[in-house]
Amino acid sequence: MQPMIIDVTQENFEQMVLQNSMHLPVLVDFWAPWCGPCKQTMPMLEKLAHDLAGRFILAKINTEEETQLAEAFQIRSIPTFKIYHQGEVVETLQGAQASSAFRDALEPYLKPDPSEELRLQANDAFVQGQYDQATQLLGEAAKANPNNFRVHLDLTKMYFQSGHLEEAQNLLNKLPDEAKQSPEGKSLLALFKFTQIVSEVGSIEEIQARLATDQNDCEALYGLSGYLMLNNHPEKAMQTLLKLFMVDRSYGENLAQKTLVEIFELLQEDHPDLVKNYRRKLQNLMF
């Protein structure tokens, strides 16, 4: 789906803005060629128009050329932004803004994203064991909105959970940095890391046997932490890494400390108290 970005003049304002706003929200950007903040904001808005293609219209008005429009709307400073919905101005923003501010202002008026409903259906199908149905629905979601990276993250996660690790890794590698740096993307990157940890040490039975022989076996302790993370026992994993830190803090070029920090970042949003507790424990051991 192509983004909708248009230049608006006095002659086409009614059609391009007012009439179109009866179907989709229209974000009007009042700008000028000499305006520094305008030049900074424009690429951000155009990217947002790509990300939300088909869900809103970006209308640009050059106030140097369209002086009548600027006067009619009493534009005293630029950039100024107005959101039209159902023929009326519903939001006004002034000055340079973060992309999230524009997205938040548009959110109540955006046309629903069909890919999101398909994502929910796909996840329900996967939970019920309908793997083929789930992947088919995600394929439809990707066609409905190719810019929704959550669709591809969902597919990566399904590949991972169903044991198709190579496919999952290849798909994740192809995703943009925005996807990889999202909470879902960071979680998947961590899963691959812990899978690698386990694969290098062996099965859980082998790990347990080694620890029964030597409870301070550093490699086995590190492998156990990976196994615990993969099986959704983050607190036990952190306990294991703290023990490894106490046994040999320099093991594998400070792997215990580095991995703990990665787990802290992974859990910070959903489990802040747990992270605070174990961050303090690590600091006490360090100093």
C-alpha atoms as a PDB file:
ATOM      1  CA  MET A   1       0.000   0.000   0.000  1.00  0.00           C
ATOM      2  CA  GLN A   2       1.395   3.374  -1.050  1.00  0.00           C
ATOM      3  CA  PRO A   3       1.683   6.339   1.336  1.00  0.00           C
ATOM      4  CA  MET A   4      -0.598   9.274   0.586  1.00  0.00           C
ATOM      5  CA  ILE A   5       1.455  12.484   0.478  1.00  0.00           C
ATOM      6  CA  ILE A   6       0.055  15.481  -1.385  1.00  0.00           C
ATOM      7  CA  ASP A   7       0.863  19.138  -1.995  1.00  0.00           C
ATOM      8  CA  VAL A   8      -2.108  21.374  -1.241  1.00  0.00           C
ATOM      9  CA  THR A   9      -2.967  24.690  -2.856  1.00  0.00           C
ATOM     10  CA  GLN A  10      -5.780  27.213  -2.557  1.00  0.00           C
ATOM     11  CA  GLU A  11      -7.468  25.577  -5.560  1.00  0.00           C
ATOM     12  CA  ASN A  12      -7.479  21.979  -4.286  1.00  0.00           C
ATOM     13  CA  PHE A  13      -7.735  22.515  -0.513  1.00  0.00           C
ATOM     14  CA  GLU A  14     -11.436  21.683  -0.280  1.00  0.00           C
ATOM     15  CA  GLN A  15     -11.064  18.423  -2.216  1.00  0.00           C
ATOM     16  CA  MET A  16      -7.666  17.299  -0.901  1.00  0.00           C
ATOM     17  CA  VAL A  17      -8.239  18.174   2.759  1.00  0.00           C
ATOM     18  CA  LEU A  18     -11.895  18.693   3.607  1.00  0.00           C
ATOM     19  CA  GLN A  19     -13.429  16.042   1.357  1.00  0.00           C
ATOM     20  CA  ASN A  20     -10.695  13.475   1.962  1.00  0.00           C
ATOM     21  CA  SER A  21     -11.010  13.960   5.727  1.00  0.00           C
ATOM     22  CA  MET A  22     -14.503  12.467   5.523  1.00  0.00           C
ATOM     23  CA  HIS A  23     -12.789   9.117   4.803  1.00  0.00           C
ATOM     24  CA  LEU A  24      -9.328   9.376   6.404  1.00  0.00           C
ATOM     25  CA  PRO A  25      -7.651  11.768   8.844  1.00  0.00           C
ATOM     26  CA  VAL A  26      -5.605  14.428   7.052  1.00  0.00           C
ATOM     27  CA  LEU A  27      -2.468  15.807   8.716  1.00  0.00           C
ATOM     28  CA  VAL A  28      -1.784  19.255   7.251  1.00  0.00           C
ATOM     29  CA  ASP A  29       1.788  20.531   7.518  1.00  0.00           C
ATOM     30  CA  PHE A  30       2.146  24.322   7.133  1.00  0.00           C
ATOM     31  CA  TRP A  31       5.815  24.826   6.222  1.00  0.00           C
ATOM     32  CA  ALA A  32       8.252  27.123   4.404  1.00  0.00           C
ATOM     33  CA  PRO A  33      11.499  26.443   2.514  1.00  0.00           C
ATOM     34  CA  TRP A  34      13.556  28.690   4.842  1.00  0.00           C
ATOM     35  CA  CYS A  35      12.300  27.011   8.042  1.00  0.00           C
ATOM     36  CA  GLY A  36      14.915  24.774   9.719  1.00  0.00           C
ATOM     37  CA  PRO A  37      12.496  22.864  12.006  1.00  0.00           C
ATOM     38  CA  CYS A  38      10.257  22.294   8.963  1.00  0.00           C
ATOM     39  CA  LYS A  39      13.115  20.616   7.112  1.00  0.00           C
ATOM     40  CA  GLN A  40      13.864  18.446  10.148  1.00  0.00           C
ATOM     41  CA  THR A  41      10.254  17.378  10.596  1.00  0.00           C
ATOM     42  CA  MET A  42       9.326  16.705   6.963  1.00  0.00           C
ATOM     43  CA  PRO A  43      11.310  13.427   6.556  1.00  0.00           C
ATOM     44  CA  MET A  44       9.856  12.195   9.849  1.00  0.00           C
ATOM     45  CA  LEU A  45       6.317  12.868   8.643  1.00  0.00           C
ATOM     46  CA  GLU A  46       6.993  11.212   5.302  1.00  0.00           C
ATOM     47  CA  LYS A  47       8.328   8.126   7.092  1.00  0.00           C
ATOM     48  CA  LEU A  48       5.205   8.078   9.271  1.00  0.00           C
ATOM     49  CA  ALA A  49       3.106   8.264   6.105  1.00  0.00           C
ATOM     50  CA  HIS A  50       4.968   5.192   4.825  1.00  0.00           C
ATOM     51  CA  ASP A  51       4.628   3.337   8.137  1.00  0.00           C
ATOM     52  CA  LEU A  52       0.888   4.082   8.307  1.00  0.00           C
ATOM     53  CA  ALA A  53       0.259   3.835   4.569  1.00  0.00           C
ATOM     54  CA  GLY A  54      -3.435   3.854   3.726  1.00  0.00           C
ATOM     55  CA  ARG A  55      -4.478   5.058   7.172  1.00  0.00           C
ATOM     56  CA  PHE A  56      -3.977   8.833   6.924  1.00  0.00           C
ATOM     57  CA  ILE A  57      -3.119  11.531   4.375  1.00  0.00           C
ATOM     58  CA  LEU A  58      -0.146  13.878   4.730  1.00  0.00           C
ATOM     59  CA  ALA A  59      -0.982  17.237   3.141  1.00  0.00           C
ATOM     60  CA  LYS A  60       1.812  19.811   2.738  1.00  0.00           C
ATOM     61  CA  ILE A  61       1.131  23.543   2.383  1.00  0.00           C
ATOM     62  CA  ASN A  62       4.024  25.817   1.435  1.00  0.00           C
ATOM     63  CA  THR A  63       3.093  29.043   3.257  1.00  0.00           C
ATOM     64  CA  GLU A  64       5.471  31.085   1.088  1.00  0.00           C
ATOM     65  CA  GLU A  65       3.475  30.180  -2.013  1.00  0.00           C
ATOM     66  CA  GLU A  66       0.016  29.722  -0.452  1.00  0.00           C
ATOM     67  CA  THR A  67      -0.185  32.994   1.454  1.00  0.00           C
ATOM     68  CA  GLN A  68      -3.979  33.097   1.277  1.00  0.00           C
ATOM     69  CA  LEU A  69      -4.282  29.751   3.062  1.00  0.00           C
ATOM     70  CA  ALA A  70      -1.725  30.799   5.673  1.00  0.00           C
ATOM     71  CA  GLU A  71      -3.695  33.994   6.328  1.00  0.00           C
ATOM     72  CA  ALA A  72      -7.045  32.222   6.324  1.00  0.00           C
ATOM     73  CA  PHE A  73      -5.863  29.823   9.058  1.00  0.00           C
ATOM     74  CA  GLN A  74      -3.986  32.551  10.935  1.00  0.00           C
ATOM     75  CA  ILE A  75      -0.666  30.735  10.771  1.00  0.00           C
ATOM     76  CA  ARG A  76       1.609  32.882  12.929  1.00  0.00           C
ATOM     77  CA  SER A  77       4.523  30.480  13.343  1.00  0.00           C
ATOM     78  CA  ILE A  78       5.802  27.468  11.470  1.00  0.00           C
ATOM     79  CA  PRO A  79       5.818  24.617  11.389  1.00  0.00           C
ATOM     80  CA  THR A  80       2.162  24.352  12.378  1.00  0.00           C
ATOM     81  CA  PHE A  81       0.225  21.100  12.005  1.00  0.00           C
ATOM     82  CA  LYS A  82      -3.521  20.575  11.898  1.00  0.00           C
ATOM     83  CA  ILE A  83      -5.367  17.251  11.809  1.00  0.00           C
ATOM     84  CA  TYR A  84      -8.683  17.219   9.954  1.00  0.00           C
ATOM     85  CA  HIS A  85     -11.344  14.592  10.613  1.00  0.00           C
ATOM     86  CA  GLN A  86     -14.856  14.631   9.169  1.00  0.00           C
ATOM     87  CA  GLY A  87     -14.246  18.091   7.710  1.00  0.00           C
ATOM     88  CA  GLU A  88     -13.174  19.654  11.026  1.00  0.00           C
ATOM     89  CA  VAL A  89      -9.867  20.523  12.704  1.00  0.00           C
ATOM     90  CA  VAL A  90      -9.568  18.110  15.643  1.00  0.00           C
ATOM     91  CA  GLU A  91      -5.912  18.609  16.667  1.00  0.00           C
ATOM     92  CA  THR A  92      -3.328  21.395  16.326  1.00  0.00           C
ATOM     93  CA  LEU A  93       0.401  21.069  17.023  1.00  0.00           C
ATOM     94  CA  GLN A  94       3.044  23.776  16.748  1.00  0.00           C
ATOM     95  CA  GLY A  95       6.801  23.591  16.417  1.00  0.00           C
ATOM     96  CA  ALA A  96       9.052  20.575  15.887  1.00  0.00           C
ATOM     97  CA  GLN A  97       7.621  17.388  17.389  1.00  0.00           C
ATOM     98  CA  ALA A  98       8.740  13.805  17.924  1.00  0.00           C
ATOM     99  CA  SER A  99       7.284  11.189  15.599  1.00  0.00           C
ATOM    100  CA  SER A 100       5.455   9.671  18.574  1.00  0.00           C
ATOM    101  CA  ALA A 101       3.614  12.975  19.148  1.00  0.00           C
ATOM    102  CA  PHE A 102       2.190  12.900  15.622  1.00  0.00           C
ATOM    103  CA  ARG A 103       1.292   9.231  15.921  1.00  0.00           C
ATOM    104  CA  ASP A 104      -0.446   9.813  19.269  1.00  0.00           C
ATOM    105  CA  ALA A 105      -2.380  12.778  17.871  1.00  0.00           C
ATOM    106  CA  LEU A 106      -3.503  10.748  14.840  1.00  0.00           C
ATOM    107  CA  GLU A 107      -4.313   7.558  16.741  1.00  0.00           C
ATOM    108  CA  PRO A 108      -7.964   8.309  17.696  1.00  0.00           C
ATOM    109  CA  TYR A 109      -8.848   9.016  14.051  1.00  0.00           C
ATOM    110  CA  LEU A 110      -6.816   6.392  12.183  1.00  0.00           C
ATOM    111  CA  LYS A 111      -8.496   3.852   9.984  1.00  0.00           C
ATOM    112  CA  PRO A 112      -8.094   0.402  11.646  1.00  0.00           C
ATOM    113  CA  ASP A 113      -5.067  -1.575  10.494  1.00  0.00           C
ATOM    114  CA  PRO A 114      -6.372  -4.820   8.948  1.00  0.00           C
ATOM    115  CA  SER A 115      -3.038  -6.531   9.574  1.00  0.00           C
ATOM    116  CA  GLU A 116      -3.502  -6.237  13.350  1.00  0.00           C
ATOM    117  CA  GLU A 117      -6.736  -8.261  13.342  1.00  0.00           C
ATOM    118  CA  LEU A 118      -5.052 -10.911  11.177  1.00  0.00           C
ATOM    119  CA  ARG A 119      -2.113 -10.973  13.625  1.00  0.00           C
ATOM    120  CA  LEU A 120      -4.466 -11.715  16.519  1.00  0.00           C
ATOM    121  CA  GLN A 121      -6.155 -14.491  14.553  1.00  0.00           C
ATOM    122  CA  ALA A 122      -2.767 -15.954  13.638  1.00  0.00           C
ATOM    123  CA  ASN A 123      -1.585 -15.998  17.241  1.00  0.00           C
ATOM    124  CA  ASP A 124      -4.825 -17.672  18.359  1.00  0.00           C
ATOM    125  CA  ALA A 125      -4.395 -20.314  15.654  1.00  0.00           C
ATOM    126  CA  PHE A 126      -0.782 -20.952  16.687  1.00  0.00           C
ATOM    127  CA  VAL A 127      -1.736 -21.378  20.361  1.00  0.00           C
ATOM    128  CA  GLN A 128      -4.318 -23.962  19.253  1.00  0.00           C
ATOM    129  CA  GLY A 129      -1.671 -25.883  17.324  1.00  0.00           C
ATOM    130  CA  GLN A 130      -2.871 -24.794  13.882  1.00  0.00           C
ATOM    131  CA  TYR A 131       0.585 -23.938  12.564  1.00  0.00           C
ATOM    132  CA  ASP A 132      -0.272 -23.861   8.838  1.00  0.00           C
ATOM    133  CA  GLN A 133      -3.315 -21.684   9.477  1.00  0.00           C
ATOM    134  CA  ALA A 134      -1.244 -19.302  11.601  1.00  0.00           C
ATOM    135  CA  THR A 135       1.453 -18.820   8.953  1.00  0.00           C
ATOM    136  CA  GLN A 136      -1.191 -18.352   6.245  1.00  0.00           C
ATOM    137  CA  LEU A 137      -2.880 -15.616   8.290  1.00  0.00           C
ATOM    138  CA  LEU A 138       0.445 -13.872   8.882  1.00  0.00           C
ATOM    139  CA  GLY A 139       1.084 -13.990   5.134  1.00  0.00           C
ATOM    140  CA  GLU A 140      -2.251 -12.228   4.592  1.00  0.00           C
ATOM    141  CA  ALA A 141      -1.345  -9.707   7.304  1.00  0.00           C
ATOM    142  CA  ALA A 142       1.975  -8.944   5.589  1.00  0.00           C
ATOM    143  CA  LYS A 143       0.140  -8.273   2.318  1.00  0.00           C
ATOM    144  CA  ALA A 144      -2.434  -6.081   4.090  1.00  0.00           C
ATOM    145  CA  ASN A 145       0.321  -3.926   5.604  1.00  0.00           C
ATOM    146  CA  PRO A 146       3.902  -4.652   4.515  1.00  0.00           C
ATOM    147  CA  ASN A 147       5.139  -1.928   6.888  1.00  0.00           C
ATOM    148  CA  ASN A 148       3.837  -3.625  10.048  1.00  0.00           C
ATOM    149  CA  PHE A 149       7.066  -5.227  11.279  1.00  0.00           C
ATOM    150  CA  ARG A 150       5.193  -6.912  14.149  1.00  0.00           C
ATOM    151  CA  VAL A 151       3.806  -9.359  11.591  1.00  0.00           C
ATOM    152  CA  HIS A 152       7.324 -10.489  10.697  1.00  0.00           C
ATOM    153  CA  LEU A 153       8.341 -10.641  14.353  1.00  0.00           C
ATOM    154  CA  ASP A 154       5.336 -12.881  15.023  1.00  0.00           C
ATOM    155  CA  LEU A 155       6.393 -15.186  12.201  1.00  0.00           C
ATOM    156  CA  THR A 156       9.967 -15.242  13.534  1.00  0.00           C
ATOM    157  CA  LYS A 157       8.667 -16.203  16.975  1.00  0.00           C
ATOM    158  CA  MET A 158       6.493 -18.967  15.497  1.00  0.00           C
ATOM    159  CA  TYR A 159       9.458 -20.334  13.553  1.00  0.00           C
ATOM    160  CA  PHE A 160      11.502 -20.287  16.746  1.00  0.00           C
ATOM    161  CA  GLN A 161       8.868 -21.940  18.947  1.00  0.00           C
ATOM    162  CA  SER A 162       8.205 -24.652  16.369  1.00  0.00           C
ATOM    163  CA  GLY A 163      11.896 -25.531  16.103  1.00  0.00           C
ATOM    164  CA  HIS A 164      12.609 -23.924  12.721  1.00  0.00           C
ATOM    165  CA  LEU A 165      15.603 -22.044  14.098  1.00  0.00           C
ATOM    166  CA  GLU A 166      17.399 -21.388  10.810  1.00  0.00           C
ATOM    167  CA  GLU A 167      14.285 -19.875   9.213  1.00  0.00           C
ATOM    168  CA  ALA A 168      13.706 -17.776  12.323  1.00  0.00           C
ATOM    169  CA  GLN A 169      17.295 -16.496  12.349  1.00  0.00           C
ATOM    170  CA  ASN A 170      17.249 -15.655   8.627  1.00  0.00           C
ATOM    171  CA  LEU A 171      13.983 -13.739   8.907  1.00  0.00           C
ATOM    172  CA  LEU A 172      15.124 -11.808  11.979  1.00  0.00           C
ATOM    173  CA  ASN A 173      18.384 -10.844  10.252  1.00  0.00           C
ATOM    174  CA  LYS A 174      16.434  -9.280   7.379  1.00  0.00           C
ATOM    175  CA  LEU A 175      14.256  -7.079   9.589  1.00  0.00           C
ATOM    176  CA  PRO A 176      15.003  -3.338   9.934  1.00  0.00           C
ATOM    177  CA  ASP A 177      16.728  -2.004  13.031  1.00  0.00           C
ATOM    178  CA  GLU A 178      13.431  -0.496  14.202  1.00  0.00           C
ATOM    179  CA  ALA A 179      12.007  -4.017  14.462  1.00  0.00           C
ATOM    180  CA  LYS A 180      15.103  -5.467  16.130  1.00  0.00           C
ATOM    181  CA  GLN A 181      15.195  -2.680  18.726  1.00  0.00           C
ATOM    182  CA  SER A 182      11.514  -3.027  19.640  1.00  0.00           C
ATOM    183  CA  PRO A 183      10.703  -4.920  22.867  1.00  0.00           C
ATOM    184  CA  GLU A 184       9.553  -7.919  20.804  1.00  0.00           C
ATOM    185  CA  GLY A 185      12.700  -7.804  18.666  1.00  0.00           C
ATOM    186  CA  LYS A 186      15.040  -7.597  21.664  1.00  0.00           C
ATOM    187  CA  SER A 187      13.231 -10.537  23.240  1.00  0.00           C
ATOM    188  CA  LEU A 188      13.743 -12.652  20.109  1.00  0.00           C
ATOM    189  CA  LEU A 189      17.411 -11.677  19.834  1.00  0.00           C
ATOM    190  CA  ALA A 190      17.850 -12.778  23.439  1.00  0.00           C
ATOM    191  CA  LEU A 191      16.152 -16.107  22.732  1.00  0.00           C
ATOM    192  CA  PHE A 192      18.620 -16.803  19.939  1.00  0.00           C
ATOM    193  CA  LYS A 193      21.487 -15.940  22.247  1.00  0.00           C
ATOM    194  CA  PHE A 194      20.306 -18.385  24.915  1.00  0.00           C
ATOM    195  CA  THR A 195      19.661 -21.060  22.306  1.00  0.00           C
ATOM    196  CA  GLN A 196      23.283 -20.671  21.211  1.00  0.00           C
ATOM    197  CA  ILE A 197      24.452 -20.932  24.827  1.00  0.00           C
ATOM    198  CA  VAL A 198      22.588 -24.210  25.336  1.00  0.00           C
ATOM    199  CA  SER A 199      23.683 -25.696  22.013  1.00  0.00           C
ATOM    200  CA  GLU A 200      27.336 -25.209  22.906  1.00  0.00           C
ATOM    201  CA  VAL A 201      27.011 -26.975  26.279  1.00  0.00           C
ATOM    202  CA  GLY A 202      24.625 -29.842  25.583  1.00  0.00           C
ATOM    203  CA  SER A 203      21.308 -31.151  26.840  1.00  0.00           C
ATOM    204  CA  ILE A 204      19.891 -30.292  30.243  1.00  0.00           C
ATOM    205  CA  GLU A 205      20.686 -33.854  31.347  1.00  0.00           C
ATOM    206  CA  GLU A 206      24.335 -33.358  30.424  1.00  0.00           C
ATOM    207  CA  ILE A 207      24.433 -30.006  32.211  1.00  0.00           C
ATOM    208  CA  GLN A 208      22.894 -31.484  35.369  1.00  0.00           C
ATOM    209  CA  ALA A 209      25.314 -34.422  35.303  1.00  0.00           C
ATOM    210  CA  ARG A 210      28.294 -32.077  35.054  1.00  0.00           C
ATOM    211  CA  LEU A 211      27.033 -29.931  37.921  1.00  0.00           C
ATOM    212  CA  ALA A 212      26.431 -33.026  40.042  1.00  0.00           C
ATOM    213  CA  THR A 213      30.116 -33.834  39.585  1.00  0.00           C
ATOM    214  CA  ASP A 214      31.319 -30.255  40.031  1.00  0.00           C
ATOM    215  CA  GLN A 215      28.844 -27.613  41.197  1.00  0.00           C
ATOM    216  CA  ASN A 216      31.330 -24.897  40.205  1.00  0.00           C
ATOM    217  CA  ASP A 217      31.647 -26.053  36.571  1.00  0.00           C
ATOM    218  CA  CYS A 218      31.564 -22.606  34.872  1.00  0.00           C
ATOM    219  CA  GLU A 219      30.588 -23.820  31.417  1.00  0.00           C
ATOM    220  CA  ALA A 220      27.762 -25.934  32.836  1.00  0.00           C
ATOM    221  CA  LEU A 221      26.524 -23.041  34.983  1.00  0.00           C
ATOM    222  CA  TYR A 222      26.463 -20.780  31.944  1.00  0.00           C
ATOM    223  CA  GLY A 223      24.623 -23.436  29.948  1.00  0.00           C
ATOM    224  CA  LEU A 224      22.103 -23.851  32.755  1.00  0.00           C
ATOM    225  CA  SER A 225      21.364 -20.110  32.710  1.00  0.00           C
ATOM    226  CA  GLY A 226      20.564 -20.330  29.001  1.00  0.00           C
ATOM    227  CA  TYR A 227      18.308 -23.320  29.519  1.00  0.00           C
ATOM    228  CA  LEU A 228      16.455 -21.541  32.344  1.00  0.00           C
ATOM    229  CA  MET A 229      15.880 -18.421  30.210  1.00  0.00           C
ATOM    230  CA  LEU A 230      14.567 -20.485  27.311  1.00  0.00           C
ATOM    231  CA  ASN A 231      12.137 -22.207  29.660  1.00  0.00           C
ATOM    232  CA  ASN A 232      10.849 -18.955  31.160  1.00  0.00           C
ATOM    233  CA  HIS A 233      12.645 -19.070  34.513  1.00  0.00           C
ATOM    234  CA  PRO A 234      14.447 -15.697  34.416  1.00  0.00           C
ATOM    235  CA  GLU A 235      14.933 -15.359  38.163  1.00  0.00           C
ATOM    236  CA  LYS A 236      16.571 -18.798  38.428  1.00  0.00           C
ATOM    237  CA  ALA A 237      18.719 -17.886  35.420  1.00  0.00           C
ATOM    238  CA  MET A 238      19.894 -14.719  37.166  1.00  0.00           C
ATOM    239  CA  GLN A 239      20.620 -16.685  40.345  1.00  0.00           C
ATOM    240  CA  THR A 240      22.721 -19.107  38.298  1.00  0.00           C
ATOM    241  CA  LEU A 241      24.639 -16.269  36.644  1.00  0.00           C
ATOM    242  CA  LEU A 242      25.306 -14.652  40.018  1.00  0.00           C
ATOM    243  CA  LYS A 243      26.746 -17.940  41.220  1.00  0.00           C
ATOM    244  CA  LEU A 244      28.921 -18.110  38.086  1.00  0.00           C
ATOM    245  CA  PHE A 245      30.067 -14.555  38.806  1.00  0.00           C
ATOM    246  CA  MET A 246      31.073 -15.589  42.331  1.00  0.00           C
ATOM    247  CA  VAL A 247      32.904 -18.695  41.101  1.00  0.00           C
ATOM    248  CA  ASP A 248      34.814 -16.886  38.332  1.00  0.00           C
ATOM    249  CA  ARG A 249      33.776 -13.353  37.442  1.00  0.00           C
ATOM    250  CA  SER A 250      36.182 -13.243  34.478  1.00  0.00           C
ATOM    251  CA  TYR A 251      34.885 -16.487  32.895  1.00  0.00           C
ATOM    252  CA  GLY A 252      34.535 -16.098  29.139  1.00  0.00           C
ATOM    253  CA  GLU A 253      35.574 -12.445  29.261  1.00  0.00           C
ATOM    254  CA  ASN A 254      32.993 -11.484  31.907  1.00  0.00           C
ATOM    255  CA  LEU A 255      30.128 -13.481  30.385  1.00  0.00           C
ATOM    256  CA  ALA A 256      28.197 -13.697  33.657  1.00  0.00           C
ATOM    257  CA  GLN A 257      28.085  -9.930  34.103  1.00  0.00           C
ATOM    258  CA  LYS A 258      27.407  -9.205  30.413  1.00  0.00           C
ATOM    259  CA  THR A 259      24.566 -11.725  30.249  1.00  0.00           C
ATOM    260  CA  LEU A 260      23.016 -10.427  33.460  1.00  0.00           C
ATOM    261  CA  VAL A 261      22.974  -6.904  32.021  1.00  0.00           C
ATOM    262  CA  GLU A 262      21.276  -8.206  28.871  1.00  0.00           C
ATOM    263  CA  ILE A 263      18.632  -9.947  30.996  1.00  0.00           C
ATOM    264  CA  PHE A 264      18.113  -6.742  32.997  1.00  0.00           C
ATOM    265  CA  GLU A 265      17.398  -4.831  29.775  1.00  0.00           C
ATOM    266  CA  LEU A 266      15.071  -7.578  28.578  1.00  0.00           C
ATOM    267  CA  LEU A 267      13.040  -7.670  31.812  1.00  0.00           C
ATOM    268  CA  GLN A 268      13.172  -3.990  32.779  1.00  0.00           C
ATOM    269  CA  GLU A 269       9.812  -2.976  31.314  1.00  0.00           C
ATOM    270  CA  ASP A 270       7.715  -5.900  32.601  1.00  0.00           C
ATOM    271  CA  HIS A 271       9.585  -6.783  35.815  1.00  0.00           C
ATOM    272  CA  PRO A 272      11.254  -3.592  37.122  1.00  0.00           C
ATOM    273  CA  ASP A 273      11.294  -4.689  40.785  1.00  0.00           C
ATOM    274  CA  LEU A 274      12.921  -8.019  39.951  1.00  0.00           C
ATOM    275  CA  VAL A 275      15.564  -6.262  37.866  1.00  0.00           C
ATOM    276  CA  LYS A 276      16.224  -3.713  40.606  1.00  0.00           C
ATOM    277  CA  ASN A 277      16.713  -6.521  43.139  1.00  0.00           C
ATOM    278  CA  TYR A 278      19.189  -8.493  41.013  1.00  0.00           C
ATOM    279  CA  ARG A 279      20.989  -5.398  39.765  1.00  0.00           C
ATOM    280  CA  ARG A 280      21.652  -4.532  43.415  1.00  0.00           C
ATOM    281  CA  LYS A 281      22.862  -8.072  44.121  1.00  0.00           C
ATOM    282  CA  LEU A 282      25.303  -7.850  41.215  1.00  0.00           C
ATOM    283  CA  GLN A 283      26.578  -4.472  42.349  1.00  0.00           C
ATOM    284  CA  ASN A 284      27.125  -5.793  45.887  1.00  0.00           C
ATOM    285  CA  LEU A 285      29.220  -8.631  44.506  1.00  0.00           C
ATOM    286  CA  MET A 286      31.207  -6.285  42.285  1.00  0.00           C
ATOM    287  CA  PHE A 287      32.078  -3.803  45.001  1.00  0.00           C
END
